[in-house]
Amino acid sequence: APAPATGKKVAIVGAGPAGLTIAGDLVK
């Protein structure tokens, strides 16, 4: 199950493999 919303916003600069990976983790 996804974690409850934290209310925090994160900006990822660059949609390469690393950016997409960490974005997916942060959403989880």
mmCIF file of all heavy atoms, coordinates in Angstrom:
data_MODEL
# 
_entry.id   MODEL 
# 
loop_
_atom_site.group_PDB 
_atom_site.id 
_atom_site.type_symbol 
_atom_site.label_atom_id 
_atom_site.label_alt_id 
_atom_site.label_comp_id 
_atom_site.label_asym_id 
_atom_site.label_entity_id 
_atom_site.label_seq_id 
_atom_site.pdbx_PDB_ins_code 
_atom_site.Cartn_x 
_atom_site.Cartn_y 
_atom_site.Cartn_z 
_atom_site.occupancy 
_atom_site.B_iso_or_equiv 
_atom_site.pdbx_formal_charge 
_atom_site.auth_seq_id 
_atom_site.auth_comp_id 
_atom_site.auth_asym_id 
_atom_site.auth_atom_id 
_atom_site.pdbx_PDB_model_num 
ATOM 1   N N   . ALA A 1 1  ? 0.855  -1.193 0.000   1.00 0.00 ? 1  ALA A N   1 
ATOM 2   C CA  . ALA A 1 1  ? 0.000  0.000  0.000   1.00 0.00 ? 1  ALA A CA  1 
ATOM 3   C C   . ALA A 1 1  ? 0.888  1.239  0.000   1.00 0.00 ? 1  ALA A C   1 
ATOM 4   O O   . ALA A 1 1  ? 1.940  1.247  0.636   1.00 0.00 ? 1  ALA A O   1 
ATOM 5   C CB  . ALA A 1 1  ? -0.888 0.000  1.231   1.00 0.00 ? 1  ALA A CB  1 
ATOM 6   N N   . PRO A 1 2  ? 0.473  2.279  -0.730  1.00 0.00 ? 2  PRO A N   1 
ATOM 7   C CA  . PRO A 1 2  ? 1.286  3.506  -0.705  1.00 0.00 ? 2  PRO A CA  1 
ATOM 8   C C   . PRO A 1 2  ? 1.245  4.148  0.677   1.00 0.00 ? 2  PRO A C   1 
ATOM 9   O O   . PRO A 1 2  ? 0.283  3.993  1.424   1.00 0.00 ? 2  PRO A O   1 
ATOM 10  C CB  . PRO A 1 2  ? 0.617  4.406  -1.748  1.00 0.00 ? 2  PRO A CB  1 
ATOM 11  C CG  . PRO A 1 2  ? -0.750 3.846  -1.942  1.00 0.00 ? 2  PRO A CG  1 
ATOM 12  C CD  . PRO A 1 2  ? -0.692 2.395  -1.583  1.00 0.00 ? 2  PRO A CD  1 
ATOM 13  N N   . ALA A 1 3  ? 2.301  4.837  0.981   1.00 0.00 ? 3  ALA A N   1 
ATOM 14  C CA  . ALA A 1 3  ? 2.377  5.532  2.273   1.00 0.00 ? 3  ALA A CA  1 
ATOM 15  C C   . ALA A 1 3  ? 1.367  6.677  2.292   1.00 0.00 ? 3  ALA A C   1 
ATOM 16  O O   . ALA A 1 3  ? 1.009  7.203  1.244   1.00 0.00 ? 3  ALA A O   1 
ATOM 17  C CB  . ALA A 1 3  ? 3.790  6.069  2.477   1.00 0.00 ? 3  ALA A CB  1 
ATOM 18  N N   . PRO A 1 4  ? 0.917  7.059  3.467   1.00 0.00 ? 4  PRO A N   1 
ATOM 19  C CA  . PRO A 1 4  ? 0.001  8.195  3.538   1.00 0.00 ? 4  PRO A CA  1 
ATOM 20  C C   . PRO A 1 4  ? 0.702  9.472  3.052   1.00 0.00 ? 4  PRO A C   1 
ATOM 21  O O   . PRO A 1 4  ? 1.921  9.608  3.172   1.00 0.00 ? 4  PRO A O   1 
ATOM 22  C CB  . PRO A 1 4  ? -0.347 8.298  5.024   1.00 0.00 ? 4  PRO A CB  1 
ATOM 23  C CG  . PRO A 1 4  ? 0.606  7.426  5.732   1.00 0.00 ? 4  PRO A CG  1 
ATOM 24  C CD  . PRO A 1 4  ? 1.190  6.473  4.762   1.00 0.00 ? 4  PRO A CD  1 
ATOM 25  N N   . ALA A 1 5  ? -0.079 10.380 2.496   1.00 0.00 ? 5  ALA A N   1 
ATOM 26  C CA  . ALA A 1 5  ? 0.475  11.632 1.974   1.00 0.00 ? 5  ALA A CA  1 
ATOM 27  C C   . ALA A 1 5  ? 1.193  12.397 3.076   1.00 0.00 ? 5  ALA A C   1 
ATOM 28  O O   . ALA A 1 5  ? 0.689  12.524 4.187   1.00 0.00 ? 5  ALA A O   1 
ATOM 29  C CB  . ALA A 1 5  ? -0.631 12.479 1.366   1.00 0.00 ? 5  ALA A CB  1 
ATOM 30  N N   . THR A 1 6  ? 2.382  12.891 2.747   1.00 0.00 ? 6  THR A N   1 
ATOM 31  C CA  . THR A 1 6  ? 3.175  13.634 3.723   1.00 0.00 ? 6  THR A CA  1 
ATOM 32  C C   . THR A 1 6  ? 2.922  15.131 3.633   1.00 0.00 ? 6  THR A C   1 
ATOM 33  O O   . THR A 1 6  ? 3.277  15.863 4.546   1.00 0.00 ? 6  THR A O   1 
ATOM 34  C CB  . THR A 1 6  ? 4.672  13.392 3.504   1.00 0.00 ? 6  THR A CB  1 
ATOM 35  O OG1 . THR A 1 6  ? 5.024  13.899 2.206   1.00 0.00 ? 6  THR A OG1 1 
ATOM 36  C CG2 . THR A 1 6  ? 5.030  11.925 3.620   1.00 0.00 ? 6  THR A CG2 1 
ATOM 37  N N   . GLY A 1 7  ? 2.353  15.578 2.505   1.00 0.00 ? 7  GLY A N   1 
ATOM 38  C CA  . GLY A 1 7  ? 2.169  17.003 2.292   1.00 0.00 ? 7  GLY A CA  1 
ATOM 39  C C   . GLY A 1 7  ? 3.416  17.700 1.786   1.00 0.00 ? 7  GLY A C   1 
ATOM 40  O O   . GLY A 1 7  ? 3.405  18.890 1.514   1.00 0.00 ? 7  GLY A O   1 
ATOM 41  N N   . LYS A 1 8  ? 4.504  16.964 1.637   1.00 0.00 ? 8  LYS A N   1 
ATOM 42  C CA  . LYS A 1 8  ? 5.758  17.546 1.146   1.00 0.00 ? 8  LYS A CA  1 
ATOM 43  C C   . LYS A 1 8  ? 5.779  17.496 -0.377  1.00 0.00 ? 8  LYS A C   1 
ATOM 44  O O   . LYS A 1 8  ? 5.312  16.534 -0.985  1.00 0.00 ? 8  LYS A O   1 
ATOM 45  C CB  . LYS A 1 8  ? 6.956  16.803 1.708   1.00 0.00 ? 8  LYS A CB  1 
ATOM 46  C CG  . LYS A 1 8  ? 7.084  16.949 3.205   1.00 0.00 ? 8  LYS A CG  1 
ATOM 47  C CD  . LYS A 1 8  ? 8.302  16.232 3.717   1.00 0.00 ? 8  LYS A CD  1 
ATOM 48  C CE  . LYS A 1 8  ? 8.399  16.411 5.233   1.00 0.00 ? 8  LYS A CE  1 
ATOM 49  N NZ  . LYS A 1 8  ? 9.545  15.698 5.771   1.00 0.00 ? 8  LYS A NZ  1 
ATOM 50  N N   . LYS A 1 9  ? 6.358  18.535 -0.992  1.00 0.00 ? 9  LYS A N   1 
ATOM 51  C CA  . LYS A 1 9  ? 6.497  18.609 -2.443  1.00 0.00 ? 9  LYS A CA  1 
ATOM 52  C C   . LYS A 1 9  ? 7.975  18.516 -2.787  1.00 0.00 ? 9  LYS A C   1 
ATOM 53  O O   . LYS A 1 9  ? 8.813  19.147 -2.132  1.00 0.00 ? 9  LYS A O   1 
ATOM 54  C CB  . LYS A 1 9  ? 5.929  19.914 -2.975  1.00 0.00 ? 9  LYS A CB  1 
ATOM 55  C CG  . LYS A 1 9  ? 4.441  20.053 -2.759  1.00 0.00 ? 9  LYS A CG  1 
ATOM 56  C CD  . LYS A 1 9  ? 3.960  21.379 -3.312  1.00 0.00 ? 9  LYS A CD  1 
ATOM 57  C CE  . LYS A 1 9  ? 2.475  21.537 -3.100  1.00 0.00 ? 9  LYS A CE  1 
ATOM 58  N NZ  . LYS A 1 9  ? 1.985  22.820 -3.631  1.00 0.00 ? 9  LYS A NZ  1 
ATOM 59  N N   . VAL A 1 10 ? 8.272  17.728 -3.826  1.00 0.00 ? 10 VAL A N   1 
ATOM 60  C CA  . VAL A 1 10 ? 9.657  17.546 -4.243  1.00 0.00 ? 10 VAL A CA  1 
ATOM 61  C C   . VAL A 1 10 ? 9.742  17.810 -5.738  1.00 0.00 ? 10 VAL A C   1 
ATOM 62  O O   . VAL A 1 10 ? 8.913  17.321 -6.511  1.00 0.00 ? 10 VAL A O   1 
ATOM 63  C CB  . VAL A 1 10 ? 10.142 16.106 -3.953  1.00 0.00 ? 10 VAL A CB  1 
ATOM 64  C CG1 . VAL A 1 10 ? 11.584 15.922 -4.391  1.00 0.00 ? 10 VAL A CG1 1 
ATOM 65  C CG2 . VAL A 1 10 ? 9.977  15.772 -2.482  1.00 0.00 ? 10 VAL A CG2 1 
ATOM 66  N N   . ALA A 1 11 ? 10.758 18.572 -6.152  1.00 0.00 ? 11 ALA A N   1 
ATOM 67  C CA  . ALA A 1 11 ? 11.019 18.828 -7.565  1.00 0.00 ? 11 ALA A CA  1 
ATOM 68  C C   . ALA A 1 11 ? 12.209 17.970 -7.991  1.00 0.00 ? 11 ALA A C   1 
ATOM 69  O O   . ALA A 1 11 ? 13.244 17.954 -7.317  1.00 0.00 ? 11 ALA A O   1 
ATOM 70  C CB  . ALA A 1 11 ? 11.322 20.298 -7.799  1.00 0.00 ? 11 ALA A CB  1 
ATOM 71  N N   . ILE A 1 12 ? 12.052 17.258 -9.080  1.00 0.00 ? 12 ILE A N   1 
ATOM 72  C CA  . ILE A 1 12 ? 13.131 16.447 -9.651  1.00 0.00 ? 12 ILE A CA  1 
ATOM 73  C C   . ILE A 1 12 ? 13.559 17.128 -10.939 1.00 0.00 ? 12 ILE A C   1 
ATOM 74  O O   . ILE A 1 12 ? 12.734 17.365 -11.827 1.00 0.00 ? 12 ILE A O   1 
ATOM 75  C CB  . ILE A 1 12 ? 12.666 15.010 -9.959  1.00 0.00 ? 12 ILE A CB  1 
ATOM 76  C CG1 . ILE A 1 12 ? 12.086 14.333 -8.722  1.00 0.00 ? 12 ILE A CG1 1 
ATOM 77  C CG2 . ILE A 1 12 ? 13.787 14.191 -10.586 1.00 0.00 ? 12 ILE A CG2 1 
ATOM 78  C CD1 . ILE A 1 12 ? 13.077 14.046 -7.640  1.00 0.00 ? 12 ILE A CD1 1 
ATOM 79  N N   . VAL A 1 13 ? 14.844 17.458 -11.069 1.00 0.00 ? 13 VAL A N   1 
ATOM 80  C CA  . VAL A 1 13 ? 15.362 18.089 -12.273 1.00 0.00 ? 13 VAL A CA  1 
ATOM 81  C C   . VAL A 1 13 ? 16.024 17.006 -13.113 1.00 0.00 ? 13 VAL A C   1 
ATOM 82  O O   . VAL A 1 13 ? 17.049 16.452 -12.733 1.00 0.00 ? 13 VAL A O   1 
ATOM 83  C CB  . VAL A 1 13 ? 16.365 19.212 -11.938 1.00 0.00 ? 13 VAL A CB  1 
ATOM 84  C CG1 . VAL A 1 13 ? 16.912 19.831 -13.210 1.00 0.00 ? 13 VAL A CG1 1 
ATOM 85  C CG2 . VAL A 1 13 ? 15.702 20.257 -11.055 1.00 0.00 ? 13 VAL A CG2 1 
ATOM 86  N N   . GLY A 1 14 ? 15.383 16.675 -14.227 1.00 0.00 ? 14 GLY A N   1 
ATOM 87  C CA  . GLY A 1 14 ? 15.906 15.664 -15.139 1.00 0.00 ? 14 GLY A CA  1 
ATOM 88  C C   . GLY A 1 14 ? 15.102 14.384 -15.063 1.00 0.00 ? 14 GLY A C   1 
ATOM 89  O O   . GLY A 1 14 ? 14.892 13.826 -13.987 1.00 0.00 ? 14 GLY A O   1 
ATOM 90  N N   . ALA A 1 15 ? 14.600 13.960 -16.227 1.00 0.00 ? 15 ALA A N   1 
ATOM 91  C CA  . ALA A 1 15 ? 13.786 12.743 -16.299 1.00 0.00 ? 15 ALA A CA  1 
ATOM 92  C C   . ALA A 1 15 ? 14.585 11.590 -16.883 1.00 0.00 ? 15 ALA A C   1 
ATOM 93  O O   . ALA A 1 15 ? 14.091 10.806 -17.690 1.00 0.00 ? 15 ALA A O   1 
ATOM 94  C CB  . ALA A 1 15 ? 12.524 13.003 -17.133 1.00 0.00 ? 15 ALA A CB  1 
ATOM 95  N N   . GLY A 1 16 ? 15.844 11.490 -16.462 1.00 0.00 ? 16 GLY A N   1 
ATOM 96  C CA  . GLY A 1 16 ? 16.661 10.356 -16.851 1.00 0.00 ? 16 GLY A CA  1 
ATOM 97  C C   . GLY A 1 16 ? 16.385 9.185  -15.922 1.00 0.00 ? 16 GLY A C   1 
ATOM 98  O O   . GLY A 1 16 ? 15.478 9.239  -15.079 1.00 0.00 ? 16 GLY A O   1 
ATOM 99  N N   . PRO A 1 17 ? 17.146 8.102  -16.061 1.00 0.00 ? 17 PRO A N   1 
ATOM 100 C CA  . PRO A 1 17 ? 16.916 6.923  -15.225 1.00 0.00 ? 17 PRO A CA  1 
ATOM 101 C C   . PRO A 1 17 ? 16.949 7.223  -13.724 1.00 0.00 ? 17 PRO A C   1 
ATOM 102 O O   . PRO A 1 17 ? 16.089 6.756  -12.982 1.00 0.00 ? 17 PRO A O   1 
ATOM 103 C CB  . PRO A 1 17 ? 18.054 5.978  -15.622 1.00 0.00 ? 17 PRO A CB  1 
ATOM 104 C CG  . PRO A 1 17 ? 18.403 6.373  -17.006 1.00 0.00 ? 17 PRO A CG  1 
ATOM 105 C CD  . PRO A 1 17 ? 18.188 7.856  -17.067 1.00 0.00 ? 17 PRO A CD  1 
ATOM 106 N N   . ALA A 1 18 ? 17.902 8.017  -13.273 1.00 0.00 ? 18 ALA A N   1 
ATOM 107 C CA  . ALA A 1 18 ? 17.999 8.317  -11.837 1.00 0.00 ? 18 ALA A CA  1 
ATOM 108 C C   . ALA A 1 18 ? 16.821 9.173  -11.379 1.00 0.00 ? 18 ALA A C   1 
ATOM 109 O O   . ALA A 1 18 ? 16.226 8.914  -10.332 1.00 0.00 ? 18 ALA A O   1 
ATOM 110 C CB  . ALA A 1 18 ? 19.315 9.024  -11.535 1.00 0.00 ? 18 ALA A CB  1 
ATOM 111 N N   . GLY A 1 19 ? 16.475 10.203 -12.155 1.00 0.00 ? 19 GLY A N   1 
ATOM 112 C CA  . GLY A 1 19 ? 15.360 11.063 -11.788 1.00 0.00 ? 19 GLY A CA  1 
ATOM 113 C C   . GLY A 1 19 ? 14.045 10.316 -11.729 1.00 0.00 ? 19 GLY A C   1 
ATOM 114 O O   . GLY A 1 19 ? 13.244 10.498 -10.804 1.00 0.00 ? 19 GLY A O   1 
ATOM 115 N N   . LEU A 1 20 ? 13.800 9.466  -12.716 1.00 0.00 ? 20 LEU A N   1 
ATOM 116 C CA  . LEU A 1 20 ? 12.554 8.695  -12.731 1.00 0.00 ? 20 LEU A CA  1 
ATOM 117 C C   . LEU A 1 20 ? 12.509 7.681  -11.594 1.00 0.00 ? 20 LEU A C   1 
ATOM 118 O O   . LEU A 1 20 ? 11.455 7.453  -10.996 1.00 0.00 ? 20 LEU A O   1 
ATOM 119 C CB  . LEU A 1 20 ? 12.380 7.990  -14.081 1.00 0.00 ? 20 LEU A CB  1 
ATOM 120 C CG  . LEU A 1 20 ? 12.171 8.917  -15.278 1.00 0.00 ? 20 LEU A CG  1 
ATOM 121 C CD1 . LEU A 1 20 ? 12.157 8.116  -16.569 1.00 0.00 ? 20 LEU A CD1 1 
ATOM 122 C CD2 . LEU A 1 20 ? 10.902 9.733  -15.131 1.00 0.00 ? 20 LEU A CD2 1 
ATOM 123 N N   . THR A 1 21 ? 13.654 7.094  -11.276 1.00 0.00 ? 21 THR A N   1 
ATOM 124 C CA  . THR A 1 21 ? 13.703 6.117  -10.186 1.00 0.00 ? 21 THR A CA  1 
ATOM 125 C C   . THR A 1 21 ? 13.390 6.767  -8.844  1.00 0.00 ? 21 THR A C   1 
ATOM 126 O O   . THR A 1 21 ? 12.544 6.282  -8.083  1.00 0.00 ? 21 THR A O   1 
ATOM 127 C CB  . THR A 1 21 ? 15.084 5.439  -10.129 1.00 0.00 ? 21 THR A CB  1 
ATOM 128 O OG1 . THR A 1 21 ? 15.305 4.757  -11.362 1.00 0.00 ? 21 THR A OG1 1 
ATOM 129 C CG2 . THR A 1 21 ? 15.161 4.452  -8.979  1.00 0.00 ? 21 THR A CG2 1 
ATOM 130 N N   . ILE A 1 22 ? 14.044 7.882  -8.549  1.00 0.00 ? 22 ILE A N   1 
ATOM 131 C CA  . ILE A 1 22 ? 13.800 8.517  -7.261  1.00 0.00 ? 22 ILE A CA  1 
ATOM 132 C C   . ILE A 1 22 ? 12.404 9.118  -7.203  1.00 0.00 ? 22 ILE A C   1 
ATOM 133 O O   . ILE A 1 22 ? 11.767 9.114  -6.147  1.00 0.00 ? 22 ILE A O   1 
ATOM 134 C CB  . ILE A 1 22 ? 14.887 9.567  -6.907  1.00 0.00 ? 22 ILE A CB  1 
ATOM 135 C CG1 . ILE A 1 22 ? 14.780 9.982  -5.439  1.00 0.00 ? 22 ILE A CG1 1 
ATOM 136 C CG2 . ILE A 1 22 ? 14.801 10.770 -7.799  1.00 0.00 ? 22 ILE A CG2 1 
ATOM 137 C CD1 . ILE A 1 22 ? 14.967 8.884  -4.435  1.00 0.00 ? 22 ILE A CD1 1 
ATOM 138 N N   . ALA A 1 23 ? 11.893 9.603  -8.339  1.00 0.00 ? 23 ALA A N   1 
ATOM 139 C CA  . ALA A 1 23 ? 10.522 10.119 -8.357  1.00 0.00 ? 23 ALA A CA  1 
ATOM 140 C C   . ALA A 1 23 ? 9.532  9.009  -7.995  1.00 0.00 ? 23 ALA A C   1 
ATOM 141 O O   . ALA A 1 23 ? 8.610  9.224  -7.205  1.00 0.00 ? 23 ALA A O   1 
ATOM 142 C CB  . ALA A 1 23 ? 10.191 10.702 -9.731  1.00 0.00 ? 23 ALA A CB  1 
ATOM 143 N N   . GLY A 1 24 ? 9.726  7.833  -8.553  1.00 0.00 ? 24 GLY A N   1 
ATOM 144 C CA  . GLY A 1 24 ? 8.860  6.699  -8.226  1.00 0.00 ? 24 GLY A CA  1 
ATOM 145 C C   . GLY A 1 24 ? 8.928  6.332  -6.763  1.00 0.00 ? 24 GLY A C   1 
ATOM 146 O O   . GLY A 1 24 ? 7.900  6.076  -6.125  1.00 0.00 ? 24 GLY A O   1 
ATOM 147 N N   . ASP A 1 25 ? 10.136 6.331  -6.204  1.00 0.00 ? 25 ASP A N   1 
ATOM 148 C CA  . ASP A 1 25 ? 10.291 6.015  -4.781  1.00 0.00 ? 25 ASP A CA  1 
ATOM 149 C C   . ASP A 1 25 ? 9.630  7.072  -3.902  1.00 0.00 ? 25 ASP A C   1 
ATOM 150 O O   . ASP A 1 25 ? 8.957  6.752  -2.923  1.00 0.00 ? 25 ASP A O   1 
ATOM 151 C CB  . ASP A 1 25 ? 11.771 5.885  -4.411  1.00 0.00 ? 25 ASP A CB  1 
ATOM 152 C CG  . ASP A 1 25 ? 12.407 4.619  -4.952  1.00 0.00 ? 25 ASP A CG  1 
ATOM 153 O OD1 . ASP A 1 25 ? 11.655 3.705  -5.371  1.00 0.00 ? 25 ASP A OD1 1 
ATOM 154 O OD2 . ASP A 1 25 ? 13.653 4.548  -4.961  1.00 0.00 ? 25 ASP A OD2 1 
ATOM 155 N N   . LEU A 1 26 ? 9.820  8.344  -4.246  1.00 0.00 ? 26 LEU A N   1 
ATOM 156 C CA  . LEU A 1 26 ? 9.238  9.425  -3.447  1.00 0.00 ? 26 LEU A CA  1 
ATOM 157 C C   . LEU A 1 26 ? 7.716  9.378  -3.459  1.00 0.00 ? 26 LEU A C   1 
ATOM 158 O O   . LEU A 1 26 ? 7.073  9.635  -2.440  1.00 0.00 ? 26 LEU A O   1 
ATOM 159 C CB  . LEU A 1 26 ? 9.739  10.783 -3.953  1.00 0.00 ? 26 LEU A CB  1 
ATOM 160 C CG  . LEU A 1 26 ? 11.207 11.095 -3.638  1.00 0.00 ? 26 LEU A CG  1 
ATOM 161 C CD1 . LEU A 1 26 ? 11.694 12.284 -4.456  1.00 0.00 ? 26 LEU A CD1 1 
ATOM 162 C CD2 . LEU A 1 26 ? 11.400 11.340 -2.157  1.00 0.00 ? 26 LEU A CD2 1 
ATOM 163 N N   . VAL A 1 27 ? 7.133  9.038  -4.603  1.00 0.00 ? 27 VAL A N   1 
ATOM 164 C CA  . VAL A 1 27 ? 5.668  8.905  -4.678  1.00 0.00 ? 27 VAL A CA  1 
ATOM 165 C C   . VAL A 1 27 ? 5.205  7.770  -3.776  1.00 0.00 ? 27 VAL A C   1 
ATOM 166 O O   . VAL A 1 27 ? 4.221  7.898  -3.049  1.00 0.00 ? 27 VAL A O   1 
ATOM 167 C CB  . VAL A 1 27 ? 5.215  8.694  -6.137  1.00 0.00 ? 27 VAL A CB  1 
ATOM 168 C CG1 . VAL A 1 27 ? 3.762  8.250  -6.208  1.00 0.00 ? 27 VAL A CG1 1 
ATOM 169 C CG2 . VAL A 1 27 ? 5.415  9.962  -6.944  1.00 0.00 ? 27 VAL A CG2 1 
ATOM 170 N N   . LYS A 1 28 ? 5.938  6.651  -3.775  1.00 0.00 ? 28 LYS A N   1 
ATOM 171 C CA  . LYS A 1 28 ? 5.585  5.526  -2.899  1.00 0.00 ? 28 LYS A CA  1 
ATOM 172 C C   . LYS A 1 28 ? 5.651  5.930  -1.432  1.00 0.00 ? 28 LYS A C   1 
ATOM 173 O O   . LYS A 1 28 ? 4.930  5.400  -0.601  1.00 0.00 ? 28 LYS A O   1 
ATOM 174 C CB  . LYS A 1 28 ? 6.533  4.346  -3.124  1.00 0.00 ? 28 LYS A CB  1 
ATOM 175 C CG  . LYS A 1 28 ? 6.313  3.594  -4.392  1.00 0.00 ? 28 LYS A CG  1 
ATOM 176 C CD  . LYS A 1 28 ? 7.249  2.391  -4.432  1.00 0.00 ? 28 LYS A CD  1 
ATOM 177 C CE  . LYS A 1 28 ? 7.694  2.086  -5.818  1.00 0.00 ? 28 LYS A CE  1 
ATOM 178 N NZ  . LYS A 1 28 ? 8.728  1.049  -5.866  1.00 0.00 ? 28 LYS A NZ  1 
# 
